[in-house]
Amino acid sequence: MSVTRRLVVPAVTLAAALAVSGARVRTDDPVSSSVRFTGEIVRILDRRCLACHDARSLSMPLTSYRDVRAWGRAIREEIVEQRMPPWSAARGYGRFRNDLSLTAREMATVLSWIDGGMPRGDDRDLPAAPAPASAAAPDLRVALPPQRVPALEAQLVRRVTVTIPIDPDRPIARVVLVPGAREVLLGAQIYDAADRWVGAWLPWQREAAPPSPHAVRLGRDPRVTVELHYRGGDAEVSDESALEVYYAPKAAPPVDEVSVDGRSRAPLSRNATLWAIVPSSDGDVRSLELKARRPDGSTDVLLWIPQVHPEWPQAFVLDTPLALPAGTTFSLVVQPPGSSARARLGLLR
């Protein structure tokens, strides 16, 4: 079964900014920076940019000195305006394993290099090519129905439901989406038949799974729904993505979920450990803040998104899971008031 929703909203992307600005760098820019592309810059790009800007991904490649230098001034504007990288969580309110944002030092380094003439440096300083990553074979692979993605579609969301043909009592360590057409896929969220979140794929995050030894249990209805977020390219393409399923030991402890919206909800009935936050919102939401209030009155800001980017799905995996006592309550504040948002909290029992 496939249900389609078309959302046409402005997409603020690096590619769009470059197309509008047409900004290129003159070859005679004077060199006044000690930073070199072959030193610090290429390593920052590897960490923060190449997941979306390699040879076959969402936007123009930034894999070579020539690529980066050609668009240097436009890249500067995207960084200064905080449109890129596409990470929305403010620093200082939770530490997330998949944090894509530039640190203050990285930002200063890139801007210093661009403003200083973008010198190349010595190729002998380039990092060695990474060794191919070894991955365990999945226990099960399920193909998703092909999805036609029209050219130039600003934002397209598809929800497809498939059955995972396993014993419903068999725990699952993780469900991983394998993208077909990476050049148009902005991200994917995966939910079970009870609408509980079980995983995600983002260009910079291959998977989101509960920490070992915990596992997901699909229950008696082994269907999963995959929410696919697309942005059309220059030509129509067909995305043929798939799901890979990895089993967990039968004794693996289960995960749980709490859903928080603008309404009050009952406090936690028992101690729990927070490992992931998955926000969603309508197109009117500009910012959101998620808080946890403990029984002793102390409050933790779990997540603050000062500027929501609805075109980019997000799944925030905590670097260190956070223990919360029974009686903890949660609140979600959105701007403007009256707009609609939700946060799913992944909990370890």
Protein backbone atom coordinates (compact mmCIF):
# COMPACT_ATOMS: atom_id res chain seq x y z
CA MET A 1 0.00 0.00 0.00
CA SER A 2 1.31 3.43 -0.83
CA VAL A 3 -0.10 6.76 0.28
CA THR A 4 1.23 9.97 -1.27
CA ARG A 5 1.28 13.49 0.15
CA ARG A 6 2.69 16.34 -1.91
CA LEU A 7 4.06 19.31 -0.04
CA VAL A 8 5.16 22.34 -2.02
CA VAL A 9 7.25 24.58 0.25
CA PRO A 10 10.30 26.75 -0.32
CA ALA A 11 13.44 24.61 0.00
CA VAL A 12 16.48 26.51 1.26
CA THR A 13 19.43 24.49 0.03
CA LEU A 14 22.98 25.14 -0.87
CA ALA A 15 22.24 24.22 -4.47
CA ALA A 16 19.44 26.77 -4.68
CA ALA A 17 21.57 29.48 -3.14
CA LEU A 18 24.35 28.80 -5.59
CA ALA A 19 21.97 28.87 -8.54
CA VAL A 20 20.57 32.22 -7.43
CA SER A 21 23.84 33.86 -6.52
CA GLY A 22 25.99 32.43 -9.29
CA ALA A 23 28.83 33.38 -6.98
CA ARG A 24 32.22 32.21 -8.09
CA VAL A 25 35.68 33.06 -6.91
CA ARG A 26 38.16 34.99 -9.00
CA THR A 27 41.42 33.25 -9.72
CA ASP A 28 43.38 36.32 -8.63
CA ASP A 29 42.13 36.48 -5.02
CA PRO A 30 45.15 37.37 -2.87
CA VAL A 31 46.30 34.70 -0.43
CA SER A 32 46.47 35.89 3.18
CA SER A 33 45.47 32.75 5.14
CA SER A 34 47.72 30.15 6.69
CA VAL A 35 44.88 27.59 6.43
CA ARG A 36 45.23 25.16 3.52
CA PHE A 37 42.64 23.10 1.67
CA THR A 38 44.85 20.00 1.85
CA GLY A 39 45.20 20.44 5.61
CA GLU A 40 42.24 21.53 7.74
CA ILE A 41 39.58 22.24 5.08
CA VAL A 42 39.40 18.85 3.40
CA ARG A 43 39.05 17.19 6.81
CA ILE A 44 36.19 19.48 7.85
CA LEU A 45 34.45 18.73 4.56
CA ASP A 46 34.87 15.01 5.16
CA ARG A 47 33.23 15.29 8.60
CA ARG A 48 30.43 17.75 7.84
CA CYS A 49 29.68 18.05 4.14
CA LEU A 50 30.48 15.10 1.92
CA ALA A 51 27.52 13.00 3.03
CA CYS A 52 25.34 15.39 0.99
CA HIS A 53 27.98 16.71 -1.44
CA ASP A 54 29.77 13.68 -2.84
CA ALA A 55 29.65 12.53 -6.44
CA ARG A 56 26.17 10.95 -6.16
CA SER A 57 24.15 12.76 -3.58
CA LEU A 58 21.77 15.66 -3.00
CA SER A 59 23.75 18.61 -4.30
CA MET A 60 26.82 19.60 -6.25
CA PRO A 61 29.97 17.63 -5.37
CA LEU A 62 32.52 19.23 -3.07
CA THR A 63 35.03 16.43 -3.39
CA SER A 64 37.94 18.34 -4.94
CA TYR A 65 39.77 21.62 -4.48
CA ARG A 66 38.42 22.85 -7.82
CA ASP A 67 34.80 22.15 -6.73
CA VAL A 68 35.15 23.94 -3.42
CA ARG A 69 37.07 26.94 -4.75
CA ALA A 70 34.54 27.50 -7.54
CA TRP A 71 31.75 28.02 -5.02
CA GLY A 72 33.72 29.45 -2.10
CA ARG A 73 31.84 32.74 -1.70
CA ALA A 74 28.42 31.08 -1.86
CA ILE A 75 29.57 28.47 0.69
CA ARG A 76 30.62 31.35 2.94
CA GLU A 77 27.12 32.85 2.74
CA GLU A 78 25.46 29.53 3.57
CA ILE A 79 27.67 29.09 6.65
CA VAL A 80 27.24 32.66 7.90
CA GLU A 81 23.45 32.45 7.47
CA GLN A 82 23.51 29.04 9.24
CA ARG A 83 21.64 27.32 6.44
CA MET A 84 24.35 24.72 6.02
CA PRO A 85 25.08 22.16 7.30
CA PRO A 86 21.36 21.26 7.70
CA TRP A 87 21.46 20.66 11.46
CA SER A 88 18.75 22.40 13.47
CA ALA A 89 19.48 21.62 17.15
CA ALA A 90 21.13 24.44 19.09
CA ARG A 91 24.39 23.58 20.83
CA GLY A 92 24.45 23.40 24.62
CA TYR A 93 21.10 21.61 24.97
CA GLY A 94 21.96 17.95 24.75
CA ARG A 95 24.88 16.21 23.04
CA PHE A 96 23.95 14.17 20.02
CA ARG A 97 25.92 11.40 18.41
CA ASN A 98 24.97 12.48 14.90
CA ASP A 99 25.62 16.23 15.34
CA LEU A 100 26.41 17.65 11.92
CA SER A 101 26.84 21.31 12.88
CA LEU A 102 30.12 23.16 12.55
CA THR A 103 31.90 23.94 15.78
CA ALA A 104 32.93 27.53 16.39
CA ARG A 105 36.50 26.57 15.58
CA GLU A 106 35.53 24.81 12.34
CA MET A 107 33.42 27.76 11.24
CA ALA A 108 36.23 30.22 11.96
CA THR A 109 38.71 28.00 10.09
CA VAL A 110 36.55 27.75 6.95
CA LEU A 111 35.74 31.46 6.90
CA SER A 112 39.39 32.38 7.45
CA TRP A 113 40.38 30.15 4.53
CA ILE A 114 37.73 31.58 2.17
CA ASP A 115 38.47 35.19 3.13
CA GLY A 116 42.20 34.51 2.86
CA GLY A 117 42.16 33.50 -0.80
CA MET A 118 41.51 29.75 -0.46
CA PRO A 119 45.08 28.45 -0.87
CA ARG A 120 45.38 24.83 -1.94
CA GLY A 121 48.42 23.55 -0.04
CA ASP A 122 50.56 20.48 -0.63
CA ASP A 123 48.84 17.32 -1.88
CA ARG A 124 51.13 15.30 0.38
CA ASP A 125 49.07 16.63 3.31
CA LEU A 126 45.82 15.13 2.03
CA PRO A 127 44.37 12.41 4.29
CA ALA A 128 44.70 8.81 3.24
CA ALA A 129 41.66 7.24 1.64
CA PRO A 130 39.56 5.52 4.32
CA ALA A 131 39.49 1.75 4.36
CA PRO A 132 36.22 0.24 3.11
CA ALA A 133 33.85 -0.24 6.02
CA SER A 134 32.99 -3.85 6.79
CA ALA A 135 29.37 -4.52 7.68
CA ALA A 136 27.58 -7.61 8.86
CA ALA A 137 25.13 -9.15 6.42
CA PRO A 138 21.49 -8.43 7.28
CA ASP A 139 19.23 -11.24 8.44
CA LEU A 140 16.48 -10.09 6.11
CA ARG A 141 16.10 -7.66 3.21
CA VAL A 142 12.74 -6.26 2.08
CA ALA A 143 12.38 -4.19 -1.09
CA LEU A 144 10.18 -1.10 -0.98
CA PRO A 145 7.83 -0.36 -3.87
CA PRO A 146 9.60 1.85 -6.45
CA GLN A 147 8.81 5.54 -6.03
CA ARG A 148 8.64 7.91 -9.00
CA VAL A 149 10.14 11.28 -8.05
CA PRO A 150 9.20 14.01 -10.56
CA ALA A 151 11.80 16.52 -11.67
CA LEU A 152 12.07 19.83 -9.79
CA GLU A 153 9.60 18.82 -7.05
CA ALA A 154 10.32 21.16 -4.11
CA GLN A 155 9.30 18.63 -1.45
CA LEU A 156 7.59 15.28 -1.77
CA VAL A 157 6.67 12.94 1.08
CA ARG A 158 5.68 9.32 0.45
CA ARG A 159 4.50 6.79 3.03
CA VAL A 160 4.77 3.13 2.06
CA THR A 161 3.86 0.12 4.19
CA VAL A 162 5.47 -3.30 3.88
CA THR A 163 5.34 -6.50 5.91
CA ILE A 164 8.48 -7.81 7.62
CA PRO A 165 8.10 -11.61 7.25
CA ILE A 166 9.46 -12.68 10.65
CA ASP A 167 8.20 -14.28 13.83
CA PRO A 168 6.49 -11.31 15.57
CA ASP A 169 8.11 -12.32 18.88
CA ARG A 170 11.59 -12.07 17.37
CA PRO A 171 13.36 -8.91 18.65
CA ILE A 172 15.09 -6.66 16.11
CA ALA A 173 18.37 -4.88 16.84
CA ARG A 174 17.84 -2.39 14.02
CA VAL A 175 15.97 -1.70 10.80
CA VAL A 176 18.17 0.07 8.25
CA LEU A 177 17.03 1.81 5.08
CA VAL A 178 19.26 1.29 2.05
CA PRO A 179 18.59 4.24 -0.28
CA GLY A 180 18.14 3.70 -3.98
CA ALA A 181 18.32 7.21 -5.49
CA ARG A 182 20.44 9.14 -3.00
CA GLU A 183 20.46 12.16 -5.26
CA VAL A 184 16.80 12.89 -4.41
CA LEU A 185 16.33 11.36 -0.94
CA LEU A 186 16.41 13.89 1.93
CA GLY A 187 15.72 11.33 4.63
CA ALA A 188 13.45 8.55 5.87
CA GLN A 189 11.68 7.66 9.12
CA ILE A 190 10.50 4.13 9.95
CA TYR A 191 7.47 3.30 12.14
CA ASP A 192 5.86 0.06 13.29
CA ALA A 193 2.17 -0.85 12.96
CA ALA A 194 1.41 0.92 16.27
CA ASP A 195 2.99 4.13 14.88
CA ARG A 196 6.04 3.85 17.13
CA TRP A 197 9.32 5.11 15.67
CA VAL A 198 11.85 2.33 15.06
CA GLY A 199 14.60 3.92 12.96
CA ALA A 200 15.73 6.53 10.48
CA TRP A 201 18.06 7.18 7.56
CA LEU A 202 19.52 10.62 6.89
CA PRO A 203 22.24 11.48 4.35
CA TRP A 204 24.73 11.94 7.21
CA GLN A 205 23.36 9.11 9.36
CA ARG A 206 23.13 5.60 7.93
CA GLU A 207 20.97 4.33 10.75
CA ALA A 208 19.45 5.18 14.11
CA ALA A 209 19.12 2.22 16.45
CA PRO A 210 18.79 1.73 20.22
CA PRO A 211 22.05 1.01 22.03
CA SER A 212 22.94 -2.63 22.56
CA PRO A 213 21.58 -4.86 24.04
CA HIS A 214 18.15 -3.23 23.62
CA ALA A 215 15.90 -4.16 20.71
CA VAL A 216 12.64 -3.31 18.94
CA ARG A 217 9.70 -5.71 19.10
CA LEU A 218 7.15 -5.39 16.31
CA GLY A 219 4.51 -7.45 18.09
CA ARG A 220 1.78 -9.41 16.35
CA ASP A 221 1.54 -7.06 13.38
CA PRO A 222 4.94 -7.15 11.62
CA ARG A 223 4.21 -4.29 9.24
CA VAL A 224 6.37 -1.18 9.08
CA THR A 225 5.67 2.15 7.42
CA VAL A 226 8.51 4.11 5.84
CA GLU A 227 8.12 7.86 5.43
CA LEU A 228 10.33 8.94 2.53
CA HIS A 229 11.24 12.61 2.03
CA TYR A 230 12.31 13.62 -1.46
CA ARG A 231 13.44 16.66 -3.40
CA GLY A 232 13.23 16.33 -7.16
CA GLY A 233 16.32 16.74 -9.29
CA ASP A 234 16.78 17.97 -12.85
CA ALA A 235 15.17 14.84 -14.28
CA GLU A 236 12.56 12.36 -13.11
CA VAL A 237 14.03 9.35 -11.29
CA SER A 238 12.77 6.12 -9.76
CA ASP A 239 13.86 5.39 -6.21
CA GLU A 240 14.17 1.68 -5.40
CA SER A 241 15.09 1.66 -1.72
CA ALA A 242 15.02 -1.35 0.60
CA LEU A 243 15.00 -2.24 4.29
CA GLU A 244 17.63 -4.40 5.96
CA VAL A 245 16.66 -6.12 9.22
CA TYR A 246 19.13 -7.30 11.86
CA TYR A 247 17.94 -9.65 14.59
CA ALA A 248 18.74 -9.29 18.30
CA PRO A 249 19.09 -12.04 20.92
CA LYS A 250 15.72 -13.27 22.17
CA ALA A 251 16.46 -12.01 25.68
CA ALA A 252 17.20 -8.45 24.51
CA PRO A 253 15.41 -5.87 26.67
CA PRO A 254 12.75 -3.87 24.79
CA VAL A 255 12.56 -0.18 24.01
CA ASP A 256 9.59 2.06 24.69
CA GLU A 257 8.27 5.39 23.41
CA VAL A 258 6.61 8.46 24.89
CA SER A 259 4.93 10.99 22.60
CA VAL A 260 4.85 14.65 23.65
CA ASP A 261 2.83 17.44 22.05
CA GLY A 262 1.51 20.76 23.33
CA ARG A 263 -0.92 19.07 25.72
CA SER A 264 -0.11 17.90 29.23
CA ARG A 265 0.58 14.20 29.72
CA ALA A 266 0.95 11.85 32.65
CA PRO A 267 4.42 11.66 34.24
CA LEU A 268 6.69 8.66 33.74
CA SER A 269 5.34 5.75 35.73
CA ARG A 270 8.81 4.24 36.26
CA ASN A 271 12.47 5.03 35.79
CA ALA A 272 13.55 5.20 32.15
CA THR A 273 16.53 6.19 30.02
CA LEU A 274 16.16 8.55 27.06
CA TRP A 275 18.22 7.60 24.00
CA ALA A 276 16.58 9.41 21.04
CA ILE A 277 14.28 12.34 20.17
CA VAL A 278 12.33 12.49 16.90
CA PRO A 279 10.48 15.80 16.37
CA SER A 280 7.89 16.51 13.71
CA SER A 281 5.84 19.62 13.01
CA ASP A 282 3.53 21.28 10.55
CA GLY A 283 4.72 23.92 8.14
CA ASP A 284 3.80 26.79 10.47
CA VAL A 285 6.21 25.90 13.29
CA ARG A 286 9.25 28.20 13.45
CA SER A 287 10.89 26.92 16.65
CA LEU A 288 10.37 24.28 19.32
CA GLU A 289 11.76 23.51 22.77
CA LEU A 290 11.47 20.19 24.61
CA LYS A 291 11.95 20.10 28.40
CA ALA A 292 11.95 17.42 31.10
CA ARG A 293 10.97 18.36 34.65
CA ARG A 294 12.10 15.93 37.34
CA PRO A 295 10.17 15.26 40.57
CA ASP A 296 12.70 17.38 42.54
CA GLY A 297 11.80 20.42 40.41
CA SER A 298 15.00 20.50 38.32
CA THR A 299 14.54 20.99 34.59
CA ASP A 300 16.56 19.78 31.59
CA VAL A 301 16.22 21.34 28.14
CA LEU A 302 16.41 18.18 26.07
CA LEU A 303 16.23 19.85 22.66
CA TRP A 304 15.97 23.39 21.34
CA ILE A 305 15.44 24.05 17.64
CA PRO A 306 15.52 27.84 17.14
CA GLN A 307 14.75 27.56 13.42
CA VAL A 308 12.78 24.57 12.15
CA HIS A 309 13.59 23.40 8.63
CA PRO A 310 10.58 21.25 7.66
CA GLU A 311 12.22 19.99 4.48
CA TRP A 312 14.84 18.07 6.49
CA PRO A 313 13.57 15.17 8.65
CA GLN A 314 15.60 14.79 11.83
CA ALA A 315 16.31 12.07 14.39
CA PHE A 316 18.46 13.09 17.35
CA VAL A 317 20.38 10.24 18.99
CA LEU A 318 21.86 11.17 22.36
CA ASP A 319 25.61 10.73 22.66
CA THR A 320 25.06 9.44 26.20
CA PRO A 321 21.56 8.16 27.10
CA LEU A 322 19.95 10.24 29.86
CA ALA A 323 18.50 8.54 32.96
CA LEU A 324 15.16 10.01 34.06
CA PRO A 325 13.36 9.07 37.29
CA ALA A 326 9.75 8.04 37.65
CA GLY A 327 7.54 11.10 37.96
CA THR A 328 9.39 13.09 35.27
CA THR A 329 7.09 15.19 33.08
CA PHE A 330 7.74 16.62 29.62
CA SER A 331 6.68 19.82 27.89
CA LEU A 332 6.92 20.94 24.28
CA VAL A 333 6.74 24.66 23.52
CA VAL A 334 6.39 25.83 19.91
CA GLN A 335 6.37 29.17 18.16
CA PRO A 336 4.12 30.60 16.98
CA PRO A 337 1.55 29.55 19.61
CA GLY A 338 -1.18 27.41 18.15
CA SER A 339 1.04 25.67 15.60
CA SER A 340 1.32 21.90 15.82
CA ALA A 341 4.37 19.81 16.73
CA ARG A 342 5.19 16.47 18.28
CA ALA A 343 8.26 14.82 19.79
CA ARG A 344 8.69 11.09 20.08
CA LEU A 345 11.00 10.09 22.92
CA GLY A 346 12.80 6.77 22.58
CA LEU A 347 13.17 5.17 26.03
CA LEU A 348 15.16 2.20 27.29
CA ARG A 349 13.50 0.03 29.90
